[in-house]
Amino acid sequence: MTSNIASMVTRRRARQAGEGALVLLLHPQAPHLRARRVGYLNRATARIRAAHLDRQLAAGACPDGTPALAWRARVLVRPAARAQLARSLERVVARAAGEVPAPRLGVPLDRRAVAEAAGEVHALVDRLCSPGPVPAGGVARVRVLLSDGGGPLYHRHVDTGLVDALRAALDRLCPLDAPS
């Protein structure tokens, strides 16, 4: 009993001292890694600026560039986050097919584009649900695709069509342990 209390007090003191998870960051000018603790400030920044960090990762930013990016990448590649995105994609297909009512608020889907790209959406769901590590940039690209109300999922009149955007996300989600 005493050891459990001591352990809880030690963990609480560590949290109060701002100690956080350890991440490895790639130094931008030299090819070496450095370990850095991600404290509350960096984790709060990653949570508050999640959409901005997701856009950076989707555009190809190095996930090891800053502690906030590293933490955001770590959150995105977790199996639970990937499963949540897969469920969101499945809901998109169901809404486009009229199986599930659309929410009252929000941008309406381009139902025709989603119906045309259903095969790519299902392939993306399979890739997100597959075991093993995947690049954070690919997961971020899916997240941006779902959340961008001006993107190809919602508007047909954008530069990139939905099928092309989904294929690009699939390419970025190539498993990390797959041979190149």
Protein backbone atom coordinates (compact mmCIF):
# COMPACT_ATOMS: atom_id res chain seq x y z
CA MET A 1 0.00 0.00 0.00
CA THR A 2 2.77 2.42 0.93
CA SER A 3 4.69 1.67 -2.26
CA ASN A 4 1.56 2.39 -4.36
CA ILE A 5 1.14 5.77 -2.66
CA ALA A 6 4.81 6.59 -3.14
CA SER A 7 4.55 5.64 -6.81
CA MET A 8 1.49 7.88 -7.28
CA VAL A 9 3.24 10.79 -5.56
CA THR A 10 6.33 10.34 -7.72
CA ARG A 11 4.25 10.32 -10.91
CA ARG A 12 2.32 13.39 -9.74
CA ARG A 13 5.56 15.26 -8.99
CA ALA A 14 6.93 14.32 -12.40
CA ARG A 15 3.77 15.67 -14.06
CA GLN A 16 3.93 18.86 -11.99
CA ALA A 17 7.59 19.32 -12.92
CA GLY A 18 6.53 19.34 -16.58
CA GLU A 19 8.23 16.11 -17.52
CA GLY A 20 6.55 14.44 -20.42
CA ALA A 21 7.03 11.73 -22.97
CA LEU A 22 10.34 11.33 -24.69
CA VAL A 23 10.48 11.89 -28.46
CA LEU A 24 13.36 11.61 -30.88
CA LEU A 25 13.93 14.63 -33.09
CA LEU A 26 15.99 14.69 -36.27
CA HIS A 27 18.35 17.65 -36.27
CA PRO A 28 17.67 19.72 -39.44
CA GLN A 29 21.32 20.58 -40.24
CA ALA A 30 23.06 17.38 -39.16
CA PRO A 31 22.10 13.75 -39.65
CA HIS A 32 21.70 12.85 -36.01
CA LEU A 33 18.87 12.30 -33.58
CA ARG A 34 18.38 13.98 -30.25
CA ALA A 35 16.08 12.94 -27.47
CA ARG A 36 13.76 15.55 -26.03
CA ARG A 37 11.00 15.47 -23.48
CA VAL A 38 7.66 16.78 -24.67
CA GLY A 39 6.19 18.71 -21.78
CA TYR A 40 2.75 20.13 -21.18
CA LEU A 41 3.37 23.26 -23.24
CA ASN A 42 4.34 21.30 -26.37
CA ARG A 43 1.46 18.86 -25.93
CA ALA A 44 -1.00 21.73 -25.41
CA THR A 45 0.39 23.45 -28.49
CA ALA A 46 -0.03 20.25 -30.50
CA ARG A 47 -3.63 19.92 -29.34
CA ILE A 48 -4.59 23.57 -29.90
CA ARG A 49 -2.86 23.79 -33.28
CA ALA A 50 -3.81 20.28 -34.41
CA ALA A 51 -5.38 21.37 -37.70
CA HIS A 52 -2.38 23.54 -38.60
CA LEU A 53 0.08 20.79 -37.69
CA ASP A 54 -1.98 18.26 -39.68
CA ARG A 55 -1.77 20.49 -42.76
CA GLN A 56 2.00 20.77 -42.30
CA LEU A 57 2.40 17.00 -41.98
CA ALA A 58 0.09 16.40 -44.96
CA ALA A 59 2.20 18.79 -47.03
CA GLY A 60 5.31 16.75 -46.26
CA ALA A 61 6.82 18.45 -43.22
CA CYS A 62 9.26 16.29 -41.29
CA PRO A 63 7.43 14.94 -38.22
CA ASP A 64 10.65 15.30 -36.24
CA GLY A 65 11.00 19.01 -36.99
CA THR A 66 9.62 20.38 -33.72
CA PRO A 67 8.43 18.83 -30.47
CA ALA A 68 4.83 19.84 -31.26
CA LEU A 69 4.98 18.20 -34.71
CA ALA A 70 6.57 15.09 -33.22
CA TRP A 71 3.84 14.83 -30.61
CA ARG A 72 1.08 15.42 -33.18
CA ALA A 73 2.56 12.74 -35.43
CA ARG A 74 2.69 10.37 -32.47
CA VAL A 75 -1.00 11.01 -31.76
CA LEU A 76 -2.03 10.56 -35.41
CA VAL A 77 -0.38 7.17 -35.93
CA ARG A 78 -1.94 5.56 -32.87
CA PRO A 79 -4.26 2.69 -33.78
CA ALA A 80 -7.21 4.40 -32.08
CA ALA A 81 -6.75 7.59 -34.13
CA ARG A 82 -6.42 5.58 -37.34
CA ALA A 83 -9.56 3.57 -36.50
CA GLN A 84 -11.47 6.78 -35.83
CA LEU A 85 -10.50 8.14 -39.26
CA ALA A 86 -11.51 4.83 -40.86
CA ARG A 87 -14.94 5.03 -39.20
CA SER A 88 -15.31 8.63 -40.42
CA LEU A 89 -14.56 7.53 -43.98
CA GLU A 90 -17.12 4.73 -43.70
CA ARG A 91 -19.72 7.25 -42.47
CA VAL A 92 -18.92 9.47 -45.47
CA VAL A 93 -19.67 6.61 -47.88
CA ALA A 94 -22.85 5.72 -45.96
CA ARG A 95 -24.04 9.35 -46.01
CA ALA A 96 -23.31 9.66 -49.72
CA ALA A 97 -25.34 6.52 -50.38
CA GLY A 98 -28.22 7.88 -48.29
CA GLU A 99 -27.93 5.09 -45.71
CA VAL A 100 -27.21 7.53 -42.87
CA PRO A 101 -28.82 10.96 -42.56
CA ALA A 102 -26.50 13.92 -43.03
CA PRO A 103 -25.93 16.18 -40.03
CA ARG A 104 -28.02 19.34 -39.95
CA LEU A 105 -24.99 21.58 -39.70
CA GLY A 106 -21.88 21.33 -41.79
CA VAL A 107 -20.86 21.33 -45.40
CA PRO A 108 -22.81 18.87 -47.57
CA LEU A 109 -20.84 16.10 -49.24
CA ASP A 110 -20.34 15.88 -52.98
CA ARG A 111 -22.35 12.66 -53.06
CA ARG A 112 -21.64 11.91 -56.70
CA ALA A 113 -17.87 12.25 -56.23
CA VAL A 114 -17.95 10.03 -53.13
CA ALA A 115 -19.97 7.39 -55.00
CA GLU A 116 -17.45 7.45 -57.87
CA ALA A 117 -14.54 7.11 -55.43
CA ALA A 118 -16.05 4.45 -53.16
CA GLY A 119 -13.39 1.89 -54.13
CA GLU A 120 -10.56 4.26 -53.17
CA VAL A 121 -12.33 5.13 -49.91
CA HIS A 122 -12.60 1.45 -48.98
CA ALA A 123 -8.93 0.88 -49.87
CA LEU A 124 -8.02 3.80 -47.64
CA VAL A 125 -10.11 2.36 -44.79
CA ASP A 126 -8.31 -0.97 -45.20
CA ARG A 127 -4.91 0.73 -45.13
CA LEU A 128 -5.79 2.73 -42.02
CA CYS A 129 -6.97 -0.43 -40.25
CA SER A 130 -3.96 -2.51 -41.29
CA PRO A 131 -1.51 -3.52 -38.58
CA GLY A 132 1.93 -2.02 -38.46
CA PRO A 133 3.27 1.49 -38.64
CA VAL A 134 2.27 4.01 -41.29
CA PRO A 135 3.69 7.47 -41.98
CA ALA A 136 2.12 10.32 -40.01
CA GLY A 137 1.97 12.44 -43.17
CA GLY A 138 -0.43 9.97 -44.78
CA VAL A 139 -2.71 9.89 -41.76
CA ALA A 140 -2.62 13.68 -41.63
CA ARG A 141 -3.55 13.85 -45.30
CA VAL A 142 -6.68 11.75 -44.61
CA ARG A 143 -7.56 13.96 -41.65
CA VAL A 144 -7.17 17.13 -43.74
CA LEU A 145 -9.26 15.60 -46.53
CA LEU A 146 -12.08 14.89 -44.07
CA SER A 147 -11.95 18.26 -42.34
CA ASP A 148 -11.38 20.62 -45.28
CA GLY A 149 -14.85 21.95 -46.14
CA GLY A 150 -13.48 23.49 -49.34
CA GLY A 151 -11.77 20.28 -50.47
CA PRO A 152 -12.70 17.64 -53.05
CA LEU A 153 -14.81 15.61 -50.61
CA TYR A 154 -17.28 18.47 -50.45
CA HIS A 155 -16.80 20.45 -53.67
CA ARG A 156 -16.39 19.16 -57.20
CA HIS A 157 -14.90 22.42 -58.46
CA VAL A 158 -11.45 22.21 -56.90
CA ASP A 159 -8.06 21.66 -58.52
CA THR A 160 -7.69 18.05 -57.39
CA GLY A 161 -10.52 15.57 -57.82
CA LEU A 162 -11.58 13.29 -55.00
CA VAL A 163 -10.22 10.13 -56.63
CA ASP A 164 -6.81 11.76 -57.11
CA ALA A 165 -6.78 13.07 -53.53
CA LEU A 166 -7.68 9.63 -52.16
CA ARG A 167 -5.00 7.94 -54.28
CA ALA A 168 -2.42 10.46 -53.06
CA ALA A 169 -3.41 9.70 -49.47
CA LEU A 170 -3.15 5.96 -50.19
CA ASP A 171 0.34 6.46 -51.61
CA ARG A 172 1.38 8.41 -48.51
CA LEU A 173 -0.02 5.67 -46.26
CA CYS A 174 2.37 3.02 -47.58
CA PRO A 175 3.31 0.91 -44.54
CA LEU A 176 6.72 1.78 -43.12
CA ASP A 177 7.84 -1.83 -42.96
CA ALA A 178 6.97 -2.52 -46.63
CA PRO A 179 9.86 -2.88 -49.10
CA SER A 180 10.32 0.16 -51.33
